N, C-alpha and C. Protein backbone atom coordinates (compact mmCIF):
# COMPACT_ATOMS: atom_id res chain seq x y z
N MET A 1 -16.86 66.10 202.60
CA MET A 1 -16.18 65.12 203.41
C MET A 1 -16.16 65.61 204.86
N THR A 2 -16.61 64.77 205.77
CA THR A 2 -16.62 65.15 207.17
C THR A 2 -15.42 64.53 207.88
N HIS A 3 -14.92 65.23 208.81
CA HIS A 3 -13.76 64.77 209.56
C HIS A 3 -14.20 64.31 210.95
N ALA A 4 -13.45 63.36 211.49
CA ALA A 4 -13.74 62.87 212.84
C ALA A 4 -13.37 63.94 213.85
N ARG A 5 -14.18 64.06 214.88
CA ARG A 5 -13.91 65.02 215.95
C ARG A 5 -12.77 64.49 216.82
N ILE A 6 -11.74 65.30 217.01
CA ILE A 6 -10.60 64.90 217.83
C ILE A 6 -10.91 65.25 219.27
N PRO A 7 -10.86 64.26 220.18
CA PRO A 7 -11.17 64.56 221.58
C PRO A 7 -10.08 65.41 222.22
N ASP A 8 -10.49 66.22 223.17
CA ASP A 8 -9.56 67.08 223.90
C ASP A 8 -9.15 66.36 225.18
N PHE A 9 -7.96 65.74 225.17
CA PHE A 9 -7.52 64.94 226.30
C PHE A 9 -6.96 65.78 227.45
N SER A 10 -6.89 67.09 227.26
CA SER A 10 -6.39 67.94 228.34
C SER A 10 -7.49 68.26 229.35
N GLN A 11 -8.72 67.91 229.05
CA GLN A 11 -9.84 68.18 229.93
C GLN A 11 -10.05 67.02 230.90
N PRO A 12 -10.67 67.25 232.07
CA PRO A 12 -10.92 66.15 233.01
C PRO A 12 -11.91 65.14 232.44
N VAL A 13 -11.94 63.98 233.05
CA VAL A 13 -12.84 62.91 232.61
C VAL A 13 -14.28 63.35 232.82
N PRO A 14 -15.13 63.19 231.81
CA PRO A 14 -16.52 63.62 231.98
C PRO A 14 -17.28 62.72 232.94
N VAL A 15 -18.27 63.28 233.58
CA VAL A 15 -19.12 62.52 234.48
C VAL A 15 -20.20 61.85 233.64
N ARG A 16 -20.34 60.54 233.77
CA ARG A 16 -21.33 59.79 233.00
C ARG A 16 -22.63 59.71 233.79
N MET A 17 -23.73 59.92 233.11
CA MET A 17 -25.04 59.77 233.73
C MET A 17 -25.56 58.38 233.42
N ILE A 18 -25.84 57.59 234.44
CA ILE A 18 -26.30 56.22 234.27
C ILE A 18 -27.75 56.14 234.72
N VAL A 19 -28.59 55.65 233.82
CA VAL A 19 -30.01 55.52 234.13
C VAL A 19 -30.24 54.16 234.78
N THR A 20 -30.78 54.17 235.99
CA THR A 20 -31.10 52.94 236.71
C THR A 20 -32.61 52.91 236.94
N PRO A 21 -33.13 51.76 237.33
CA PRO A 21 -34.58 51.69 237.56
C PRO A 21 -35.07 52.69 238.61
N GLY A 22 -34.22 53.03 239.58
CA GLY A 22 -34.63 53.95 240.63
C GLY A 22 -34.44 55.41 240.26
N GLY A 23 -33.75 55.71 239.18
CA GLY A 23 -33.50 57.10 238.80
C GLY A 23 -32.19 57.22 238.05
N VAL A 24 -31.63 58.41 238.07
CA VAL A 24 -30.38 58.69 237.35
C VAL A 24 -29.27 58.87 238.37
N GLU A 25 -28.15 58.19 238.15
CA GLU A 25 -26.99 58.34 239.02
C GLU A 25 -25.84 58.91 238.21
N SER A 26 -25.03 59.74 238.83
CA SER A 26 -23.84 60.24 238.15
C SER A 26 -22.63 59.50 238.71
N ARG A 27 -21.82 58.98 237.80
CA ARG A 27 -20.61 58.26 238.19
C ARG A 27 -19.47 58.74 237.33
N GLN A 28 -18.28 58.67 237.86
CA GLN A 28 -17.11 59.03 237.07
C GLN A 28 -16.64 57.80 236.31
N ALA A 29 -16.16 58.04 235.09
CA ALA A 29 -15.60 56.95 234.30
C ALA A 29 -14.29 56.52 234.95
N VAL A 30 -14.09 55.22 235.08
CA VAL A 30 -12.88 54.69 235.70
C VAL A 30 -12.16 53.82 234.69
N GLU A 31 -10.89 53.62 234.93
CA GLU A 31 -10.11 52.76 234.04
C GLU A 31 -10.08 51.34 234.60
N PRO A 32 -10.02 50.34 233.73
CA PRO A 32 -9.96 48.96 234.22
C PRO A 32 -8.62 48.69 234.91
N VAL A 33 -8.67 47.92 235.96
CA VAL A 33 -7.47 47.59 236.73
C VAL A 33 -7.29 46.09 236.70
N ARG A 34 -6.09 45.65 236.34
CA ARG A 34 -5.79 44.22 236.37
C ARG A 34 -5.43 43.83 237.80
N LEU A 35 -6.05 42.78 238.27
CA LEU A 35 -5.74 42.30 239.60
C LEU A 35 -4.37 41.63 239.59
N ASP A 36 -3.63 41.78 240.67
CA ASP A 36 -2.30 41.18 240.74
C ASP A 36 -2.41 39.81 241.39
N THR A 37 -3.02 38.88 240.67
CA THR A 37 -3.13 37.51 241.13
C THR A 37 -2.41 36.63 240.12
N THR A 38 -2.30 35.33 240.44
CA THR A 38 -1.62 34.43 239.51
C THR A 38 -2.36 34.35 238.18
N HIS A 39 -3.68 34.45 238.22
CA HIS A 39 -4.45 34.41 236.98
C HIS A 39 -4.28 35.70 236.18
N GLY A 40 -3.95 36.77 236.84
CA GLY A 40 -3.71 38.03 236.15
C GLY A 40 -2.30 38.16 235.64
N ARG A 41 -1.35 37.56 236.37
CA ARG A 41 0.05 37.67 235.97
C ARG A 41 0.43 36.69 234.88
N SER A 42 -0.22 35.53 234.81
CA SER A 42 0.21 34.50 233.85
C SER A 42 0.06 34.95 232.40
N PRO A 43 -1.03 35.61 231.98
CA PRO A 43 -1.06 36.06 230.58
C PRO A 43 0.03 37.08 230.27
N ARG A 44 0.34 37.95 231.25
CA ARG A 44 1.40 38.93 231.03
C ARG A 44 2.74 38.23 230.91
N PHE A 45 2.99 37.22 231.76
CA PHE A 45 4.25 36.48 231.69
C PHE A 45 4.36 35.74 230.37
N LEU A 46 3.27 35.10 229.94
CA LEU A 46 3.30 34.37 228.67
C LEU A 46 3.50 35.33 227.50
N GLY A 47 2.93 36.51 227.60
CA GLY A 47 3.12 37.50 226.54
C GLY A 47 4.57 37.93 226.44
N VAL A 48 5.20 38.20 227.59
CA VAL A 48 6.61 38.61 227.60
C VAL A 48 7.49 37.46 227.13
N ALA A 49 7.20 36.25 227.58
CA ALA A 49 8.00 35.09 227.17
C ALA A 49 7.88 34.87 225.66
N GLY A 50 6.69 35.04 225.12
CA GLY A 50 6.50 34.90 223.68
C GLY A 50 7.25 35.95 222.89
N GLU A 51 7.26 37.20 223.39
CA GLU A 51 7.99 38.26 222.72
C GLU A 51 9.50 37.98 222.73
N LEU A 52 10.00 37.50 223.87
CA LEU A 52 11.44 37.18 223.95
C LEU A 52 11.79 36.01 223.03
N LEU A 53 10.95 34.99 222.99
CA LEU A 53 11.20 33.85 222.11
C LEU A 53 11.18 34.29 220.65
N ALA A 54 10.24 35.15 220.28
CA ALA A 54 10.17 35.65 218.91
C ALA A 54 11.42 36.45 218.57
N ALA A 55 11.91 37.26 219.50
CA ALA A 55 13.12 38.04 219.25
C ALA A 55 14.33 37.13 219.06
N VAL A 56 14.43 36.09 219.87
CA VAL A 56 15.55 35.15 219.73
C VAL A 56 15.49 34.44 218.39
N VAL A 57 14.30 34.02 217.99
CA VAL A 57 14.15 33.32 216.71
C VAL A 57 14.49 34.25 215.54
N ILE A 58 14.05 35.48 215.59
CA ILE A 58 14.32 36.42 214.51
C ILE A 58 15.82 36.73 214.43
N ILE A 59 16.44 37.02 215.57
CA ILE A 59 17.87 37.34 215.57
C ILE A 59 18.70 36.12 215.19
N GLY A 60 18.35 34.97 215.77
CA GLY A 60 19.09 33.74 215.43
C GLY A 60 18.92 33.36 213.97
N GLY A 61 17.72 33.50 213.44
CA GLY A 61 17.50 33.21 212.02
C GLY A 61 18.30 34.13 211.13
N GLY A 62 18.37 35.39 211.50
CA GLY A 62 19.20 36.32 210.72
C GLY A 62 20.67 35.98 210.77
N MET A 63 21.14 35.53 211.93
CA MET A 63 22.55 35.15 212.06
C MET A 63 22.83 33.92 211.21
N ILE A 64 21.91 32.94 211.22
CA ILE A 64 22.10 31.72 210.43
C ILE A 64 22.08 32.06 208.94
N LEU A 65 21.14 32.88 208.51
CA LEU A 65 21.07 33.25 207.10
C LEU A 65 22.31 34.04 206.67
N THR A 66 22.81 34.89 207.55
CA THR A 66 24.03 35.62 207.23
C THR A 66 25.21 34.67 207.08
N GLY A 67 25.26 33.68 207.98
CA GLY A 67 26.32 32.68 207.90
C GLY A 67 26.23 31.84 206.63
N LEU A 68 25.01 31.47 206.25
CA LEU A 68 24.83 30.70 205.02
C LEU A 68 25.16 31.52 203.77
N ALA A 69 24.89 32.81 203.82
CA ALA A 69 25.15 33.66 202.67
C ALA A 69 26.65 33.87 202.46
N SER A 70 27.42 33.75 203.53
CA SER A 70 28.88 33.99 203.40
C SER A 70 29.64 32.73 203.05
N LEU A 71 28.96 31.59 202.89
CA LEU A 71 29.64 30.35 202.49
C LEU A 71 30.11 30.47 201.04
N PRO A 72 31.26 29.87 200.74
CA PRO A 72 31.76 29.97 199.36
C PRO A 72 30.95 29.20 198.37
């Protein structure tokens, strides 16, 4: 049985070699950045609003079920 190699995250980001038609270029790996525009903020807002709505529904449903369970 072979085990997956665990990456060493304490080391710096490796330099990637990119082959282009003109030759080989070395570039550093970069992380994706979300632009702070209305098109970038709206999915985040909708995600947060959905999470809050789900929390309200779950908590409210639990309160209603608890109330129904305590009826004589």
